[in-house]
Amino acid sequence: MLDVALFMANATQLKAVLEQGPGFTYYITLITLISLSLALQLIIGVLLIIIGFANTCQGSKPQYSADLHPQFMF
């Protein structure tokens, strides 16, 4: 739920910056950083779905998630 709330907050901030227009002092910087944040959140969401799917489909290999988890931490 926190991921969805953060995603919606970033989308709202992006909308507010776009409504102010290019005359805003940090327009390009804010557009870039908020877009990067949204893109990273989407990537993390997809990776979490893939990991969850892999954990449910593995069946006889319970150590798979323990092997995979440290790779995403660093």
N, C-alpha and C. Protein backbone atom coordinates (compact mmCIF):
# COMPACT_ATOMS: atom_id res chain seq x y z
N MET A 1 0.81 -1.19 0.00
CA MET A 1 0.00 0.00 0.00
C MET A 1 0.86 1.26 0.00
N LEU A 2 1.99 1.19 0.66
CA LEU A 2 2.87 2.35 0.71
C LEU A 2 3.41 2.67 -0.68
N ASP A 3 3.70 1.64 -1.47
CA ASP A 3 4.20 1.86 -2.82
C ASP A 3 3.18 2.58 -3.68
N VAL A 4 1.92 2.20 -3.55
CA VAL A 4 0.86 2.83 -4.32
C VAL A 4 0.70 4.29 -3.88
N ALA A 5 0.76 4.54 -2.59
CA ALA A 5 0.64 5.90 -2.09
C ALA A 5 1.79 6.78 -2.58
N LEU A 6 3.00 6.24 -2.56
CA LEU A 6 4.15 7.00 -3.04
C LEU A 6 4.05 7.26 -4.54
N PHE A 7 3.60 6.26 -5.29
CA PHE A 7 3.43 6.42 -6.73
C PHE A 7 2.39 7.51 -7.03
N MET A 8 1.28 7.49 -6.31
CA MET A 8 0.24 8.50 -6.52
C MET A 8 0.72 9.89 -6.12
N ALA A 9 1.49 9.98 -5.05
CA ALA A 9 2.03 11.28 -4.63
C ALA A 9 2.98 11.83 -5.69
N ASN A 10 3.81 10.97 -6.25
CA ASN A 10 4.73 11.42 -7.30
C ASN A 10 3.96 11.83 -8.55
N ALA A 11 2.92 11.09 -8.89
CA ALA A 11 2.11 11.45 -10.06
C ALA A 11 1.43 12.81 -9.84
N THR A 12 0.96 13.06 -8.63
CA THR A 12 0.34 14.34 -8.32
C THR A 12 1.36 15.48 -8.40
N GLN A 13 2.55 15.24 -7.89
CA GLN A 13 3.60 16.26 -7.97
C GLN A 13 3.99 16.54 -9.42
N LEU A 14 4.07 15.49 -10.22
CA LEU A 14 4.40 15.67 -11.64
C LEU A 14 3.31 16.49 -12.33
N LYS A 15 2.06 16.20 -12.03
CA LYS A 15 0.95 16.96 -12.61
C LYS A 15 1.04 18.43 -12.21
N ALA A 16 1.34 18.70 -10.95
CA ALA A 16 1.44 20.08 -10.47
C ALA A 16 2.57 20.82 -11.17
N VAL A 17 3.70 20.17 -11.35
CA VAL A 17 4.83 20.82 -12.03
C VAL A 17 4.49 21.08 -13.49
N LEU A 18 3.84 20.12 -14.14
CA LEU A 18 3.47 20.31 -15.54
C LEU A 18 2.45 21.43 -15.70
N GLU A 19 1.55 21.59 -14.74
CA GLU A 19 0.56 22.66 -14.81
C GLU A 19 1.20 24.03 -14.64
N GLN A 20 2.29 24.13 -13.88
CA GLN A 20 2.96 25.41 -13.68
C GLN A 20 3.69 25.86 -14.94
N GLY A 21 4.11 24.93 -15.74
CA GLY A 21 4.74 25.26 -17.01
C GLY A 21 6.23 25.48 -16.92
N PRO A 22 6.85 25.67 -18.08
CA PRO A 22 8.31 25.82 -18.15
C PRO A 22 8.85 27.11 -17.53
N GLY A 23 8.00 28.02 -17.15
CA GLY A 23 8.46 29.25 -16.51
C GLY A 23 8.91 29.03 -15.08
N PHE A 24 8.60 27.88 -14.52
CA PHE A 24 8.99 27.55 -13.15
C PHE A 24 10.50 27.39 -13.08
N THR A 25 11.12 27.82 -11.98
CA THR A 25 12.58 27.85 -11.85
C THR A 25 13.23 26.49 -12.06
N TYR A 26 12.74 25.47 -11.41
CA TYR A 26 13.37 24.14 -11.47
C TYR A 26 12.53 23.17 -12.30
N TYR A 27 11.92 23.64 -13.34
CA TYR A 27 10.98 22.84 -14.14
C TYR A 27 11.63 21.56 -14.68
N ILE A 28 12.71 21.69 -15.41
CA ILE A 28 13.36 20.53 -16.03
C ILE A 28 13.90 19.57 -14.97
N THR A 29 14.49 20.12 -13.92
CA THR A 29 15.04 19.29 -12.86
C THR A 29 13.95 18.47 -12.17
N LEU A 30 12.84 19.12 -11.85
CA LEU A 30 11.75 18.42 -11.18
C LEU A 30 11.11 17.38 -12.08
N ILE A 31 10.92 17.72 -13.35
CA ILE A 31 10.35 16.75 -14.30
C ILE A 31 11.25 15.52 -14.38
N THR A 32 12.55 15.75 -14.47
CA THR A 32 13.50 14.64 -14.59
C THR A 32 13.50 13.77 -13.33
N LEU A 33 13.59 14.38 -12.17
CA LEU A 33 13.67 13.61 -10.92
C LEU A 33 12.37 12.87 -10.61
N ILE A 34 11.24 13.52 -10.81
CA ILE A 34 9.96 12.85 -10.55
C ILE A 34 9.74 11.72 -11.55
N SER A 35 10.09 11.94 -12.81
CA SER A 35 9.95 10.88 -13.81
C SER A 35 10.87 9.71 -13.50
N LEU A 36 12.08 9.99 -13.06
CA LEU A 36 13.01 8.93 -12.67
C LEU A 36 12.45 8.14 -11.48
N SER A 37 11.90 8.84 -10.51
CA SER A 37 11.30 8.18 -9.36
C SER A 37 10.14 7.28 -9.78
N LEU A 38 9.28 7.76 -10.66
CA LEU A 38 8.16 6.95 -11.14
C LEU A 38 8.65 5.73 -11.91
N ALA A 39 9.67 5.92 -12.75
CA ALA A 39 10.20 4.79 -13.53
C ALA A 39 10.81 3.74 -12.61
N LEU A 40 11.56 4.17 -11.61
CA LEU A 40 12.16 3.21 -10.67
C LEU A 40 11.09 2.47 -9.86
N GLN A 41 10.03 3.16 -9.50
CA GLN A 41 8.94 2.51 -8.78
C GLN A 41 8.26 1.46 -9.65
N LEU A 42 8.09 1.76 -10.93
CA LEU A 42 7.51 0.77 -11.85
C LEU A 42 8.42 -0.44 -12.00
N ILE A 43 9.71 -0.21 -12.12
CA ILE A 43 10.67 -1.32 -12.25
C ILE A 43 10.65 -2.20 -11.01
N ILE A 44 10.66 -1.57 -9.83
CA ILE A 44 10.62 -2.33 -8.58
C ILE A 44 9.31 -3.12 -8.48
N GLY A 45 8.21 -2.52 -8.88
CA GLY A 45 6.93 -3.22 -8.85
C GLY A 45 6.92 -4.45 -9.73
N VAL A 46 7.47 -4.31 -10.94
CA VAL A 46 7.55 -5.45 -11.86
C VAL A 46 8.46 -6.53 -11.29
N LEU A 47 9.60 -6.14 -10.73
CA LEU A 47 10.51 -7.12 -10.13
C LEU A 47 9.87 -7.85 -8.95
N LEU A 48 9.11 -7.13 -8.14
CA LEU A 48 8.43 -7.78 -7.01
C LEU A 48 7.37 -8.77 -7.50
N ILE A 49 6.68 -8.44 -8.57
CA ILE A 49 5.70 -9.37 -9.14
C ILE A 49 6.40 -10.61 -9.67
N ILE A 50 7.53 -10.42 -10.35
CA ILE A 50 8.28 -11.56 -10.89
C ILE A 50 8.79 -12.45 -9.76
N ILE A 51 9.32 -11.84 -8.70
CA ILE A 51 9.82 -12.62 -7.56
C ILE A 51 8.67 -13.37 -6.90
N GLY A 52 7.54 -12.71 -6.72
CA GLY A 52 6.40 -13.39 -6.12
C GLY A 52 5.91 -14.54 -6.97
N PHE A 53 5.89 -14.34 -8.29
CA PHE A 53 5.48 -15.41 -9.20
C PHE A 53 6.47 -16.57 -9.15
N ALA A 54 7.76 -16.25 -9.09
CA ALA A 54 8.78 -17.30 -9.04
C ALA A 54 8.68 -18.08 -7.73
N ASN A 55 8.34 -17.41 -6.64
CA ASN A 55 8.22 -18.09 -5.34
C ASN A 55 7.02 -19.03 -5.31
N THR A 56 5.94 -18.69 -5.99
CA THR A 56 4.76 -19.55 -5.97
C THR A 56 4.88 -20.70 -6.95
N CYS A 57 5.69 -20.56 -7.98
CA CYS A 57 5.79 -21.59 -9.01
C CYS A 57 6.96 -22.54 -8.80
N GLN A 58 7.79 -22.31 -7.83
CA GLN A 58 9.00 -23.11 -7.70
C GLN A 58 8.74 -24.50 -7.16
N GLY A 59 7.75 -24.68 -6.34
CA GLY A 59 7.40 -26.01 -5.85
C GLY A 59 8.43 -26.65 -4.96
N SER A 60 9.35 -27.43 -5.52
CA SER A 60 10.28 -28.23 -4.72
C SER A 60 11.61 -27.54 -4.46
N LYS A 61 11.73 -26.29 -4.74
CA LYS A 61 13.00 -25.60 -4.56
C LYS A 61 12.82 -24.39 -3.64
N PRO A 62 12.67 -24.58 -2.34
CA PRO A 62 12.39 -23.47 -1.44
C PRO A 62 13.57 -22.52 -1.21
N GLN A 63 14.78 -22.90 -1.59
CA GLN A 63 15.94 -22.06 -1.35
C GLN A 63 16.10 -21.00 -2.45
N TYR A 64 15.31 -21.06 -3.48
CA TYR A 64 15.41 -20.12 -4.61
C TYR A 64 15.29 -18.67 -4.15
N SER A 65 14.30 -18.36 -3.33
CA SER A 65 14.12 -16.98 -2.90
C SER A 65 15.26 -16.53 -1.99
N ALA A 66 15.82 -17.44 -1.20
CA ALA A 66 16.95 -17.08 -0.34
C ALA A 66 18.19 -16.79 -1.17
N ASP A 67 18.35 -17.48 -2.30
CA ASP A 67 19.48 -17.22 -3.19
C ASP A 67 19.27 -15.93 -3.99
N LEU A 68 18.05 -15.62 -4.33
CA LEU A 68 17.76 -14.48 -5.19
C LEU A 68 17.73 -13.17 -4.41
N HIS A 69 17.30 -13.20 -3.18
CA HIS A 69 17.11 -11.98 -2.40
C HIS A 69 18.38 -11.15 -2.22
N PRO A 70 19.54 -11.70 -1.87
CA PRO A 70 20.73 -10.86 -1.69
C PRO A 70 21.17 -10.15 -2.97
N GLN A 71 20.83 -10.68 -4.13
CA GLN A 71 21.21 -10.03 -5.38
C GLN A 71 20.50 -8.69 -5.54
N PHE A 72 19.29 -8.58 -5.03
CA PHE A 72 18.54 -7.34 -5.17
C PHE A 72 18.83 -6.35 -4.06
N MET A 73 19.53 -6.79 -3.04
CA MET A 73 19.84 -5.89 -1.94
C MET A 73 21.07 -5.03 -2.22
N PHE A 74 21.95 -5.48 -3.09
CA PHE A 74 23.18 -4.73 -3.33
C PHE A 74 23.29 -4.28 -4.75
